[in-house]
Amino acid sequence: MTYRNPTPTVDIIIELLDSPHRPIVLIERKNPPYGWAIPGGFVDYGESVETAAIREALEEVNLEVELIEQFQVYSDPDRDPRQHTISVVFIAVAQGRPIAADDAKNVGVFHVWEFPEPLCFDHARILADYRRYRDYGIRPRP
């Protein structure tokens, strides 16, 4: 019998502390699925999710981040059309100007009331949960 397991990933909601209203950084993906996404990626073998989040932020948007908290885990088997993934989502802070790199075709800075479309994966849900948490302190239910 062959066993298949979901692949661990991370997503990093990066708040820019040196900009008014703490906007967040999103990337426009260079590879399918196309659209806008929260920076993130796959956890490497032997790597913690925290280390992966810090690495992915630096690789995709050229920002050194400070992880503030683990926000939520998203595991819907259909969240990524390529394969079954489980994402550990972090909220982080950074300062400076993001620069698109690695899998990012473009980078944008957006206020929580003006996210671009289309958003990839389940990132519309994640960002809606984040906004509710940020505005009202209400965490999403699993």
Protein backbone atom coordinates (compact mmCIF):
# COMPACT_ATOMS: atom_id res chain seq x y z
CA MET A 1 0.00 0.00 0.00
CA THR A 2 1.26 3.48 -0.86
CA TYR A 3 0.63 6.25 1.62
CA ARG A 4 0.09 9.82 0.50
CA ASN A 5 0.26 12.74 2.89
CA PRO A 6 -0.58 16.42 2.50
CA THR A 7 2.37 18.73 1.89
CA PRO A 8 3.14 21.35 4.56
CA THR A 9 3.28 24.97 3.45
CA VAL A 10 3.40 28.40 5.06
CA ASP A 11 1.77 31.71 4.21
CA ILE A 12 2.94 34.99 5.72
CA ILE A 13 0.63 37.97 6.15
CA ILE A 14 3.24 40.74 6.26
CA GLU A 15 2.14 44.05 7.78
CA LEU A 16 4.34 47.01 6.83
CA LEU A 17 4.94 48.96 10.03
CA ASP A 18 6.47 51.99 8.33
CA SER A 19 3.37 52.69 6.18
CA PRO A 20 0.10 54.29 7.32
CA HIS A 21 -2.67 51.82 8.32
CA ARG A 22 -0.25 48.83 8.29
CA PRO A 23 -0.95 47.62 4.72
CA ILE A 24 0.00 44.07 3.79
CA VAL A 25 2.19 42.66 1.04
CA LEU A 26 0.76 40.41 -1.68
CA ILE A 27 2.46 38.88 -4.70
CA GLU A 28 1.23 38.35 -8.22
CA ARG A 29 2.21 34.79 -9.08
CA LYS A 30 4.61 34.07 -11.94
CA ASN A 31 3.52 30.40 -12.16
CA PRO A 32 0.13 28.66 -12.19
CA PRO A 33 -2.21 29.15 -10.56
CA TYR A 34 -2.03 32.79 -11.65
CA GLY A 35 -3.36 35.70 -9.64
CA TRP A 36 -2.57 37.44 -6.37
CA ALA A 37 -1.45 35.54 -3.28
CA ILE A 38 -0.12 35.87 0.23
CA PRO A 39 3.65 35.30 0.14
CA GLY A 40 4.56 31.76 1.13
CA GLY A 41 5.62 28.36 -0.04
CA PHE A 42 6.63 24.84 0.79
CA VAL A 43 8.36 23.81 4.01
CA ASP A 44 11.68 22.14 3.24
CA TYR A 45 12.57 18.79 4.81
CA GLY A 46 14.29 19.39 8.15
CA GLU A 47 12.98 22.95 8.40
CA SER A 48 10.56 24.32 10.99
CA VAL A 49 7.47 26.19 9.79
CA GLU A 50 8.80 29.34 11.46
CA THR A 51 12.10 29.11 9.57
CA ALA A 52 10.22 28.40 6.33
CA ALA A 53 8.04 31.50 6.82
CA ILE A 54 11.04 33.77 7.38
CA ARG A 55 12.88 32.22 4.39
CA GLU A 56 9.88 32.47 2.04
CA ALA A 57 9.28 36.14 2.92
CA LEU A 58 12.90 36.95 2.12
CA GLU A 59 12.89 34.86 -1.10
CA GLU A 60 9.59 36.18 -2.50
CA VAL A 61 9.44 39.83 -1.42
CA ASN A 62 12.96 40.59 -0.17
CA LEU A 63 11.81 41.53 3.34
CA GLU A 64 13.21 40.42 6.66
CA VAL A 65 10.17 39.72 8.79
CA GLU A 66 9.50 39.30 12.47
CA LEU A 67 6.88 36.64 13.09
CA ILE A 68 4.29 38.04 15.50
CA GLU A 69 1.99 35.04 15.83
CA GLN A 70 0.78 31.85 14.26
CA PHE A 71 -2.62 32.88 12.97
CA GLN A 72 -4.41 29.76 11.75
CA VAL A 73 -3.98 26.45 9.94
CA TYR A 74 -5.87 25.91 6.67
CA SER A 75 -6.19 22.34 5.42
CA ASP A 76 -9.11 22.01 2.99
CA PRO A 77 -7.94 19.30 0.53
CA ASP A 78 -9.07 21.56 -2.35
CA ARG A 79 -7.26 24.72 -1.16
CA ASP A 80 -4.47 24.26 -3.75
CA PRO A 81 -5.40 22.93 -7.22
CA ARG A 82 -1.93 21.39 -7.64
CA GLN A 83 -1.99 19.08 -4.62
CA HIS A 84 -3.32 18.65 -1.09
CA THR A 85 -1.48 21.12 1.14
CA ILE A 86 -1.78 22.22 4.74
CA SER A 87 -0.81 25.84 5.34
CA VAL A 88 0.35 27.30 8.62
CA VAL A 89 -0.43 31.01 8.32
CA PHE A 90 1.65 33.55 10.24
CA ILE A 91 1.17 37.24 10.89
CA ALA A 92 4.47 39.08 10.60
CA VAL A 93 5.76 42.63 10.53
CA ALA A 94 8.45 44.24 8.39
CA GLN A 95 9.74 47.60 7.30
CA GLY A 96 10.96 48.71 3.92
CA ARG A 97 9.94 48.31 0.33
CA PRO A 98 9.06 44.83 -0.91
CA ILE A 99 10.68 43.68 -4.15
CA ALA A 100 9.28 40.83 -6.26
CA ALA A 101 11.60 37.83 -6.51
CA ASP A 102 11.54 34.02 -6.84
CA ASP A 103 7.94 32.96 -7.69
CA ALA A 104 6.62 36.53 -7.64
CA LYS A 105 5.99 38.24 -10.99
CA ASN A 106 4.96 41.42 -9.20
CA VAL A 107 4.47 42.65 -5.65
CA GLY A 108 1.84 45.00 -4.27
CA VAL A 109 1.05 46.69 -0.99
CA PHE A 110 -2.64 46.75 -0.11
CA HIS A 111 -4.85 48.04 2.67
CA VAL A 112 -7.18 45.48 4.22
CA TRP A 113 -10.17 47.13 2.56
CA GLU A 114 -8.79 46.93 -1.01
CA PHE A 115 -7.41 43.51 -1.90
CA PRO A 116 -6.84 42.80 -5.61
CA GLU A 117 -8.54 40.08 -7.64
CA PRO A 118 -8.28 37.33 -8.47
CA LEU A 119 -6.81 35.87 -5.29
CA CYS A 120 -5.29 32.37 -5.61
CA PHE A 121 -5.87 29.26 -3.57
CA ASP A 122 -8.04 29.95 -0.50
CA HIS A 123 -6.40 33.31 0.12
CA ALA A 124 -9.68 35.26 -0.12
CA ARG A 125 -10.92 33.24 2.88
CA ILE A 126 -7.63 33.66 4.75
CA LEU A 127 -7.62 37.43 4.18
CA ALA A 128 -11.28 37.74 5.21
CA ASP A 129 -10.47 35.83 8.41
CA TYR A 130 -7.41 38.04 8.97
CA ARG A 131 -9.38 41.25 8.48
CA ARG A 132 -12.04 40.12 10.94
CA TYR A 133 -9.31 39.25 13.44
CA ARG A 134 -7.46 42.52 12.89
CA ASP A 135 -10.60 44.71 13.03
CA TYR A 136 -12.52 42.92 15.79
CA GLY A 137 -10.13 40.49 17.50
CA ILE A 138 -12.27 37.52 16.43
CA ARG A 139 -10.31 34.42 15.45
CA PRO A 140 -11.66 32.14 12.72
CA ARG A 141 -13.25 28.88 13.76
CA PRO A 142 -11.53 25.70 12.57
